[in-house]
N, C-alpha and C. Protein backbone atom coordinates (compact mmCIF):
# COMPACT_ATOMS: atom_id res chain seq x y z
N MET A 1 -99.96 31.53 -51.90
CA MET A 1 -98.88 30.56 -51.82
C MET A 1 -97.64 31.12 -52.52
N THR A 2 -96.50 30.66 -52.08
CA THR A 2 -95.27 31.16 -52.67
C THR A 2 -94.54 30.08 -53.46
N ASP A 3 -95.24 28.98 -53.77
CA ASP A 3 -94.76 27.99 -54.71
C ASP A 3 -93.43 27.36 -54.30
N GLY A 4 -93.35 26.84 -53.08
CA GLY A 4 -92.16 26.12 -52.64
C GLY A 4 -90.98 26.98 -52.28
N GLN A 5 -91.15 28.24 -52.21
CA GLN A 5 -90.04 29.15 -51.88
C GLN A 5 -90.58 30.26 -50.98
N PRO A 6 -90.03 30.41 -49.77
CA PRO A 6 -90.47 31.56 -48.97
C PRO A 6 -90.04 32.86 -49.64
N VAL A 7 -90.71 33.91 -49.26
CA VAL A 7 -90.41 35.24 -49.78
C VAL A 7 -90.03 36.13 -48.62
N VAL A 8 -88.97 36.90 -48.79
CA VAL A 8 -88.57 37.89 -47.80
C VAL A 8 -88.69 39.26 -48.46
N VAL A 9 -89.52 40.10 -47.89
CA VAL A 9 -89.67 41.48 -48.36
C VAL A 9 -88.85 42.35 -47.42
N ALA A 10 -87.81 42.98 -47.94
CA ALA A 10 -86.92 43.81 -47.13
C ALA A 10 -87.14 45.28 -47.47
N VAL A 11 -87.28 46.10 -46.42
CA VAL A 11 -87.53 47.53 -46.59
C VAL A 11 -86.63 48.30 -45.64
N ASP A 12 -85.97 49.32 -46.16
CA ASP A 12 -85.11 50.19 -45.35
C ASP A 12 -85.82 51.52 -45.13
N GLU A 13 -86.24 51.77 -43.90
CA GLU A 13 -86.98 52.99 -43.57
C GLU A 13 -86.17 53.89 -42.64
N GLN A 14 -84.85 53.83 -42.73
CA GLN A 14 -83.99 54.65 -41.88
C GLN A 14 -82.82 55.16 -42.72
N ALA A 15 -82.12 56.15 -42.17
CA ALA A 15 -81.00 56.73 -42.92
C ALA A 15 -79.72 56.78 -42.08
N ASP A 16 -79.70 56.13 -40.93
CA ASP A 16 -78.55 56.21 -40.03
C ASP A 16 -77.37 55.33 -40.47
N VAL A 17 -77.67 54.17 -41.03
CA VAL A 17 -76.65 53.20 -41.42
C VAL A 17 -76.98 52.74 -42.85
N VAL A 18 -75.99 52.69 -43.71
CA VAL A 18 -76.20 52.20 -45.07
C VAL A 18 -76.49 50.70 -44.99
N ILE A 19 -77.59 50.30 -45.61
CA ILE A 19 -78.05 48.91 -45.55
C ILE A 19 -78.02 48.30 -46.95
N ASP A 20 -77.40 47.13 -47.06
CA ASP A 20 -77.40 46.36 -48.30
C ASP A 20 -78.61 45.43 -48.25
N LEU A 21 -79.74 45.93 -48.72
CA LEU A 21 -80.99 45.17 -48.60
C LEU A 21 -80.90 43.78 -49.22
N ALA A 22 -80.28 43.67 -50.37
CA ALA A 22 -80.20 42.36 -51.03
C ALA A 22 -79.42 41.36 -50.17
N ARG A 23 -78.35 41.81 -49.54
CA ARG A 23 -77.54 40.93 -48.69
C ARG A 23 -78.37 40.40 -47.52
N TRP A 24 -79.06 41.30 -46.83
CA TRP A 24 -79.79 40.90 -45.62
C TRP A 24 -81.06 40.14 -45.97
N GLN A 25 -81.66 40.46 -47.08
CA GLN A 25 -82.82 39.71 -47.56
C GLN A 25 -82.39 38.27 -47.85
N ALA A 26 -81.26 38.10 -48.50
CA ALA A 26 -80.76 36.77 -48.83
C ALA A 26 -80.43 35.98 -47.57
N LEU A 27 -79.84 36.62 -46.56
CA LEU A 27 -79.54 35.93 -45.31
C LEU A 27 -80.83 35.44 -44.65
N ALA A 28 -81.83 36.29 -44.59
CA ALA A 28 -83.10 35.88 -43.99
C ALA A 28 -83.72 34.72 -44.77
N LEU A 29 -83.69 34.80 -46.09
CA LEU A 29 -84.25 33.75 -46.94
C LEU A 29 -83.51 32.43 -46.74
N ARG A 30 -82.19 32.46 -46.76
CA ARG A 30 -81.40 31.24 -46.57
C ARG A 30 -81.63 30.65 -45.17
N SER A 31 -81.80 31.52 -44.18
CA SER A 31 -82.08 31.05 -42.82
C SER A 31 -83.43 30.36 -42.76
N LEU A 32 -84.43 30.94 -43.38
CA LEU A 32 -85.75 30.31 -43.41
C LEU A 32 -85.67 28.93 -44.07
N ARG A 33 -85.01 28.88 -45.22
CA ARG A 33 -84.89 27.61 -45.95
C ARG A 33 -84.17 26.56 -45.10
N SER A 34 -83.12 26.97 -44.41
CA SER A 34 -82.38 26.03 -43.57
C SER A 34 -83.21 25.51 -42.41
N CYS A 35 -84.22 26.26 -42.03
CA CYS A 35 -85.12 25.85 -40.95
C CYS A 35 -86.33 25.09 -41.48
N GLY A 36 -86.31 24.74 -42.76
CA GLY A 36 -87.36 23.93 -43.33
C GLY A 36 -88.56 24.70 -43.84
N VAL A 37 -88.46 26.02 -43.92
CA VAL A 37 -89.58 26.81 -44.41
C VAL A 37 -89.56 26.80 -45.94
N ASP A 38 -90.64 26.32 -46.54
CA ASP A 38 -90.69 26.29 -48.00
C ASP A 38 -91.91 27.04 -48.54
N ASP A 39 -92.50 27.88 -47.68
CA ASP A 39 -93.64 28.67 -48.11
C ASP A 39 -93.78 29.83 -47.14
N GLY A 40 -94.46 30.88 -47.55
CA GLY A 40 -94.75 31.99 -46.66
C GLY A 40 -93.93 33.22 -46.96
N GLU A 41 -94.30 34.28 -46.26
CA GLU A 41 -93.66 35.58 -46.47
C GLU A 41 -93.21 36.14 -45.13
N LEU A 42 -92.00 36.66 -45.12
CA LEU A 42 -91.42 37.33 -43.97
C LEU A 42 -91.09 38.76 -44.38
N ASN A 43 -91.45 39.71 -43.54
CA ASN A 43 -91.06 41.10 -43.77
C ASN A 43 -89.85 41.41 -42.91
N LEU A 44 -88.83 41.99 -43.52
CA LEU A 44 -87.61 42.40 -42.82
C LEU A 44 -87.52 43.91 -42.96
N LEU A 45 -87.68 44.60 -41.83
CA LEU A 45 -87.74 46.06 -41.83
C LEU A 45 -86.56 46.63 -41.05
N PHE A 46 -85.95 47.65 -41.61
CA PHE A 46 -84.88 48.39 -40.95
C PHE A 46 -85.45 49.77 -40.62
N VAL A 47 -85.45 50.12 -39.33
CA VAL A 47 -86.10 51.35 -38.89
C VAL A 47 -85.16 52.21 -38.06
N ASP A 48 -85.53 53.49 -37.89
CA ASP A 48 -84.73 54.39 -37.06
C ASP A 48 -85.08 54.19 -35.58
N GLU A 49 -84.32 54.87 -34.73
CA GLU A 49 -84.50 54.68 -33.29
C GLU A 49 -85.85 55.18 -32.78
N ALA A 50 -86.37 56.24 -33.35
CA ALA A 50 -87.68 56.73 -32.91
C ALA A 50 -88.76 55.71 -33.20
N THR A 51 -88.73 55.12 -34.37
CA THR A 51 -89.71 54.10 -34.72
C THR A 51 -89.55 52.88 -33.84
N MET A 52 -88.32 52.45 -33.62
CA MET A 52 -88.08 51.27 -32.77
C MET A 52 -88.50 51.53 -31.33
N THR A 53 -88.27 52.74 -30.84
CA THR A 53 -88.70 53.08 -29.49
C THR A 53 -90.22 52.97 -29.38
N GLY A 54 -90.94 53.48 -30.37
CA GLY A 54 -92.39 53.39 -30.37
C GLY A 54 -92.88 51.94 -30.39
N LEU A 55 -92.26 51.11 -31.21
CA LEU A 55 -92.64 49.70 -31.28
C LEU A 55 -92.32 48.98 -29.97
N ASN A 56 -91.17 49.28 -29.41
CA ASN A 56 -90.76 48.65 -28.16
C ASN A 56 -91.70 49.06 -27.02
N ARG A 57 -92.09 50.32 -27.00
CA ARG A 57 -93.02 50.82 -25.98
C ARG A 57 -94.37 50.12 -26.13
N GLU A 58 -94.86 50.09 -27.36
CA GLU A 58 -96.19 49.53 -27.62
C GLU A 58 -96.28 48.04 -27.35
N HIS A 59 -95.26 47.29 -27.76
CA HIS A 59 -95.35 45.83 -27.71
C HIS A 59 -94.62 45.19 -26.53
N MET A 60 -93.62 45.87 -25.99
CA MET A 60 -92.82 45.28 -24.91
C MET A 60 -92.89 46.08 -23.62
N GLY A 61 -93.51 47.26 -23.67
CA GLY A 61 -93.62 48.08 -22.47
C GLY A 61 -92.33 48.77 -22.06
N GLU A 62 -91.37 48.85 -22.97
CA GLU A 62 -90.07 49.47 -22.71
C GLU A 62 -89.97 50.76 -23.51
N ASP A 63 -89.75 51.88 -22.83
CA ASP A 63 -89.70 53.18 -23.51
C ASP A 63 -88.26 53.52 -23.90
N ARG A 64 -87.70 52.71 -24.78
CA ARG A 64 -86.33 52.90 -25.27
C ARG A 64 -86.19 52.10 -26.57
N PRO A 65 -85.20 52.47 -27.36
CA PRO A 65 -84.97 51.66 -28.57
C PRO A 65 -84.38 50.30 -28.18
N THR A 66 -84.51 49.37 -29.06
CA THR A 66 -83.87 48.06 -28.90
C THR A 66 -83.30 47.66 -30.25
N ASP A 67 -82.57 46.57 -30.29
CA ASP A 67 -81.90 46.18 -31.52
C ASP A 67 -82.79 45.46 -32.52
N VAL A 68 -83.63 44.54 -32.03
CA VAL A 68 -84.48 43.76 -32.93
C VAL A 68 -85.77 43.38 -32.21
N LEU A 69 -86.86 43.40 -32.94
CA LEU A 69 -88.14 42.90 -32.47
C LEU A 69 -88.70 41.95 -33.53
N SER A 70 -89.35 40.91 -33.07
CA SER A 70 -89.96 39.94 -33.99
C SER A 70 -91.43 39.83 -33.69
N PHE A 71 -92.21 39.73 -34.76
CA PHE A 71 -93.65 39.63 -34.64
C PHE A 71 -94.15 38.46 -35.49
N PRO A 72 -94.25 37.27 -34.89
CA PRO A 72 -94.81 36.14 -35.64
C PRO A 72 -96.28 36.41 -35.97
N LEU A 73 -96.71 36.00 -37.15
CA LEU A 73 -98.09 36.18 -37.58
C LEU A 73 -98.74 34.82 -37.79
N ASP A 74 -100.05 34.81 -37.83
CA ASP A 74 -100.81 33.58 -38.05
C ASP A 74 -100.46 32.49 -37.04
N GLY A 75 -100.09 32.90 -35.82
CA GLY A 75 -99.67 31.92 -34.82
C GLY A 75 -98.26 31.48 -35.15
N ALA A 76 -97.42 31.43 -34.15
CA ALA A 76 -96.02 31.08 -34.38
C ALA A 76 -95.90 29.63 -34.81
N PRO A 77 -95.24 29.38 -35.93
CA PRO A 77 -94.97 27.99 -36.30
C PRO A 77 -94.04 27.37 -35.26
N SER A 78 -94.01 26.06 -35.22
CA SER A 78 -93.09 25.39 -34.31
C SER A 78 -91.66 25.70 -34.73
N THR A 79 -90.70 25.36 -33.88
CA THR A 79 -89.30 25.62 -34.19
C THR A 79 -88.84 24.81 -35.40
N ASP A 80 -89.56 23.78 -35.76
CA ASP A 80 -89.30 23.06 -37.00
C ASP A 80 -90.45 23.39 -37.93
N ALA A 81 -90.20 24.24 -38.90
CA ALA A 81 -91.26 24.76 -39.76
C ALA A 81 -91.97 23.67 -40.55
N ARG A 82 -91.37 22.49 -40.67
CA ARG A 82 -92.05 21.41 -41.38
C ARG A 82 -93.31 20.97 -40.64
N ASP A 83 -93.42 21.35 -39.35
CA ASP A 83 -94.62 21.04 -38.58
C ASP A 83 -95.65 22.16 -38.65
N ALA A 84 -95.33 23.25 -39.34
CA ALA A 84 -96.25 24.39 -39.42
C ALA A 84 -97.46 24.02 -40.27
N PRO A 85 -98.59 24.68 -40.01
CA PRO A 85 -99.78 24.38 -40.80
C PRO A 85 -99.55 24.68 -42.28
N ALA A 86 -100.05 23.81 -43.13
CA ALA A 86 -99.91 24.01 -44.57
C ALA A 86 -100.66 25.27 -45.00
N GLY A 87 -100.11 25.96 -45.96
CA GLY A 87 -100.79 27.11 -46.54
C GLY A 87 -100.63 28.40 -45.74
N SER A 88 -99.80 28.38 -44.70
CA SER A 88 -99.62 29.64 -43.97
C SER A 88 -98.88 30.62 -44.87
N ILE A 89 -99.41 31.82 -44.99
CA ILE A 89 -98.87 32.79 -45.93
C ILE A 89 -97.94 33.77 -45.23
N LEU A 90 -98.40 34.38 -44.16
CA LEU A 90 -97.61 35.40 -43.49
C LEU A 90 -96.87 34.80 -42.29
N LEU A 91 -95.55 34.76 -42.39
CA LEU A 91 -94.76 34.23 -41.28
C LEU A 91 -94.61 35.26 -40.17
N GLY A 92 -94.36 36.51 -40.54
CA GLY A 92 -94.21 37.56 -39.55
C GLY A 92 -93.27 38.64 -40.01
N ASP A 93 -92.93 39.50 -39.04
CA ASP A 93 -92.05 40.64 -39.28
C ASP A 93 -90.83 40.56 -38.37
N VAL A 94 -89.69 40.91 -38.92
CA VAL A 94 -88.47 41.12 -38.14
C VAL A 94 -88.10 42.58 -38.35
N VAL A 95 -88.03 43.32 -37.24
CA VAL A 95 -87.73 44.75 -37.30
C VAL A 95 -86.38 44.98 -36.63
N VAL A 96 -85.45 45.59 -37.37
CA VAL A 96 -84.09 45.81 -36.90
C VAL A 96 -83.81 47.31 -36.86
N CYS A 97 -83.11 47.75 -35.82
CA CYS A 97 -82.69 49.14 -35.70
C CYS A 97 -81.17 49.21 -35.93
N PRO A 98 -80.74 49.55 -37.15
CA PRO A 98 -79.31 49.57 -37.46
C PRO A 98 -78.49 50.53 -36.59
N ALA A 99 -79.04 51.68 -36.22
CA ALA A 99 -78.29 52.62 -35.38
C ALA A 99 -77.98 52.00 -34.02
N HIS A 100 -78.94 51.31 -33.45
CA HIS A 100 -78.73 50.63 -32.17
C HIS A 100 -77.72 49.50 -32.34
N ALA A 101 -77.85 48.76 -33.42
CA ALA A 101 -76.93 47.67 -33.72
C ALA A 101 -75.50 48.18 -33.87
N ALA A 102 -75.34 49.32 -34.52
CA ALA A 102 -74.00 49.88 -34.74
C ALA A 102 -73.33 50.24 -33.41
N ARG A 103 -74.12 50.76 -32.48
CA ARG A 103 -73.55 51.13 -31.17
C ARG A 103 -73.14 49.91 -30.35
N GLN A 104 -73.82 48.81 -30.51
CA GLN A 104 -73.50 47.66 -29.66
C GLN A 104 -72.58 46.63 -30.32
N ALA A 105 -72.27 46.79 -31.58
CA ALA A 105 -71.49 45.79 -32.32
C ALA A 105 -70.14 45.51 -31.68
N GLU A 106 -69.41 46.53 -31.33
CA GLU A 106 -68.06 46.34 -30.78
C GLU A 106 -68.09 45.55 -29.47
N ARG A 107 -69.13 45.73 -28.67
CA ARG A 107 -69.24 45.00 -27.39
C ARG A 107 -69.32 43.50 -27.60
N HIS A 108 -69.74 43.05 -28.76
CA HIS A 108 -69.90 41.62 -29.02
C HIS A 108 -68.67 40.98 -29.68
N ARG A 109 -67.64 41.80 -29.91
CA ARG A 109 -66.42 41.27 -30.54
C ARG A 109 -65.89 40.07 -29.75
N GLY A 110 -65.60 39.00 -30.47
CA GLY A 110 -65.03 37.82 -29.84
C GLY A 110 -66.05 36.84 -29.28
N GLU A 111 -67.30 37.23 -29.22
CA GLU A 111 -68.34 36.33 -28.72
C GLU A 111 -68.82 35.43 -29.85
N GLN A 112 -68.57 34.15 -29.74
CA GLN A 112 -69.06 33.16 -30.70
C GLN A 112 -68.79 33.55 -32.14
N GLY A 113 -67.57 33.98 -32.44
CA GLY A 113 -67.18 34.28 -33.80
C GLY A 113 -67.52 35.68 -34.28
N HIS A 114 -68.11 36.51 -33.44
CA HIS A 114 -68.49 37.89 -33.81
C HIS A 114 -67.22 38.71 -33.96
N ASP A 115 -67.09 39.42 -35.08
CA ASP A 115 -65.86 40.19 -35.32
C ASP A 115 -65.97 41.66 -34.88
N GLY A 116 -67.08 42.03 -34.26
CA GLY A 116 -67.24 43.40 -33.78
C GLY A 116 -67.74 44.37 -34.82
N SER A 117 -68.00 43.90 -36.03
CA SER A 117 -68.45 44.79 -37.10
C SER A 117 -69.97 44.97 -37.05
N VAL A 118 -70.42 46.05 -37.68
CA VAL A 118 -71.86 46.28 -37.81
C VAL A 118 -72.48 45.16 -38.65
N ALA A 119 -71.77 44.69 -39.66
CA ALA A 119 -72.30 43.61 -40.49
C ALA A 119 -72.54 42.35 -39.67
N ASP A 120 -71.59 41.98 -38.81
CA ASP A 120 -71.79 40.80 -37.97
C ASP A 120 -72.96 41.00 -37.01
N GLU A 121 -73.09 42.21 -36.51
CA GLU A 121 -74.20 42.49 -35.59
C GLU A 121 -75.54 42.41 -36.31
N LEU A 122 -75.63 42.99 -37.49
CA LEU A 122 -76.87 42.92 -38.26
C LEU A 122 -77.21 41.47 -38.61
N ALA A 123 -76.21 40.70 -39.01
CA ALA A 123 -76.44 39.29 -39.34
C ALA A 123 -76.99 38.54 -38.13
N LEU A 124 -76.39 38.74 -36.97
CA LEU A 124 -76.86 38.09 -35.76
C LEU A 124 -78.30 38.48 -35.45
N LEU A 125 -78.60 39.76 -35.55
CA LEU A 125 -79.95 40.23 -35.23
C LEU A 125 -80.99 39.68 -36.21
N ILE A 126 -80.65 39.61 -37.48
CA ILE A 126 -81.58 39.08 -38.48
C ILE A 126 -81.85 37.61 -38.22
N VAL A 127 -80.80 36.84 -38.01
CA VAL A 127 -80.98 35.41 -37.73
C VAL A 127 -81.76 35.22 -36.42
N HIS A 128 -81.43 35.99 -35.41
CA HIS A 128 -82.13 35.93 -34.13
C HIS A 128 -83.63 36.22 -34.33
N GLY A 129 -83.92 37.26 -35.10
CA GLY A 129 -85.31 37.62 -35.36
C GLY A 129 -86.05 36.55 -36.13
N VAL A 130 -85.41 35.97 -37.14
CA VAL A 130 -86.03 34.90 -37.92
C VAL A 130 -86.36 33.72 -37.00
N LEU A 131 -85.43 33.36 -36.14
CA LEU A 131 -85.69 32.24 -35.23
C LEU A 131 -86.85 32.53 -34.28
N HIS A 132 -86.96 33.77 -33.81
CA HIS A 132 -88.12 34.13 -32.99
C HIS A 132 -89.43 33.97 -33.76
N VAL A 133 -89.44 34.41 -35.01
CA VAL A 133 -90.65 34.28 -35.83
C VAL A 133 -91.02 32.80 -35.98
N LEU A 134 -90.02 31.94 -36.01
CA LEU A 134 -90.26 30.50 -36.17
C LEU A 134 -90.54 29.81 -34.84
N GLY A 135 -90.63 30.58 -33.76
CA GLY A 135 -91.05 30.00 -32.48
C GLY A 135 -89.96 29.77 -31.46
N HIS A 136 -88.71 30.05 -31.79
CA HIS A 136 -87.64 29.91 -30.80
C HIS A 136 -87.78 31.00 -29.75
N ASP A 137 -87.29 30.71 -28.55
CA ASP A 137 -87.30 31.68 -27.46
C ASP A 137 -86.04 31.49 -26.63
N HIS A 138 -85.78 32.43 -25.75
CA HIS A 138 -84.60 32.32 -24.89
C HIS A 138 -84.92 32.71 -23.45
N GLY A 139 -86.16 32.46 -23.03
CA GLY A 139 -86.59 32.78 -21.68
C GLY A 139 -86.00 31.85 -20.63
N GLU A 140 -85.77 30.62 -21.00
CA GLU A 140 -85.19 29.62 -20.09
C GLU A 140 -83.80 29.24 -20.60
N ALA A 141 -82.95 28.78 -19.69
CA ALA A 141 -81.56 28.47 -20.04
C ALA A 141 -81.46 27.45 -21.17
N ASP A 142 -82.28 26.40 -21.12
CA ASP A 142 -82.19 25.38 -22.17
C ASP A 142 -82.67 25.92 -23.52
N GLU A 143 -83.70 26.77 -23.50
CA GLU A 143 -84.18 27.40 -24.72
C GLU A 143 -83.12 28.34 -25.29
N ALA A 144 -82.48 29.11 -24.40
CA ALA A 144 -81.43 30.05 -24.83
C ALA A 144 -80.27 29.30 -25.47
N ALA A 145 -79.87 28.18 -24.87
CA ALA A 145 -78.75 27.40 -25.42
C ALA A 145 -79.10 26.85 -26.80
N LEU A 146 -80.32 26.35 -26.95
CA LEU A 146 -80.76 25.82 -28.25
C LEU A 146 -80.80 26.94 -29.29
N MET A 147 -81.35 28.10 -28.90
CA MET A 147 -81.46 29.20 -29.85
C MET A 147 -80.07 29.71 -30.25
N GLN A 148 -79.16 29.84 -29.30
CA GLN A 148 -77.81 30.30 -29.61
C GLN A 148 -77.08 29.31 -30.51
N ARG A 149 -77.27 28.04 -30.25
CA ARG A 149 -76.64 27.02 -31.10
C ARG A 149 -77.17 27.12 -32.53
N ARG A 150 -78.47 27.29 -32.66
CA ARG A 150 -79.08 27.40 -33.99
C ARG A 150 -78.62 28.68 -34.69
N GLU A 151 -78.52 29.79 -33.94
CA GLU A 151 -78.01 31.04 -34.52
C GLU A 151 -76.62 30.83 -35.10
N GLN A 152 -75.75 30.18 -34.34
CA GLN A 152 -74.38 29.97 -34.79
C GLN A 152 -74.32 29.06 -36.01
N GLU A 153 -75.18 28.04 -36.05
CA GLU A 153 -75.24 27.17 -37.22
C GLU A 153 -75.63 27.97 -38.46
N LEU A 154 -76.64 28.81 -38.33
CA LEU A 154 -77.11 29.60 -39.47
C LEU A 154 -76.09 30.65 -39.88
N LEU A 155 -75.46 31.31 -38.91
CA LEU A 155 -74.44 32.32 -39.24
C LEU A 155 -73.25 31.68 -39.93
N THR A 156 -72.84 30.50 -39.45
CA THR A 156 -71.71 29.80 -40.07
C THR A 156 -72.05 29.38 -41.49
N ALA A 157 -73.26 28.90 -41.68
CA ALA A 157 -73.66 28.41 -43.00
C ALA A 157 -73.92 29.53 -44.01
N HIS A 158 -74.42 30.69 -43.52
CA HIS A 158 -74.94 31.68 -44.46
C HIS A 158 -74.34 33.08 -44.36
N HIS A 159 -73.48 33.30 -43.38
CA HIS A 159 -72.93 34.67 -43.24
C HIS A 159 -71.42 34.68 -43.19
N ARG A 160 -70.85 33.82 -42.39
CA ARG A 160 -69.40 33.83 -42.21
C ARG A 160 -68.70 33.08 -43.33
N PRO A 161 -67.54 33.60 -43.76
CA PRO A 161 -66.81 32.92 -44.86
C PRO A 161 -66.33 31.54 -44.45
């Protein structure tokens, strides 16, 4: 148990982009808390493109790097974590590829408050990954709209000035 406070373990396993682990760990933690999570552990990993390509190949069947992958553990909690089973310890993993994020950041400039920076891209990917771990999806239009709305709420509350 984590005694009323979720835990985010952040690890930087890449050297392509300088990562402020404390900043991104805090964003993930605040996002979890805003979603009603008051227990459990989330791993936030920053990896290089080779590692991300391997994970994407193994889990998604795509032989290329991607920006973020999420791996819910112990069964995905509902989108409202207050409905999650009591005592769940491991929430899951969010894996981010900063090099991939850096290349795509400028393309997102102007979209829903995105300023085109690597920091804005990393923030979006972390929040997106956390929401996936909590059971959000974007396979259907209504799910995508809900997830995007929640992303923007969390980014406004915890990332943007």
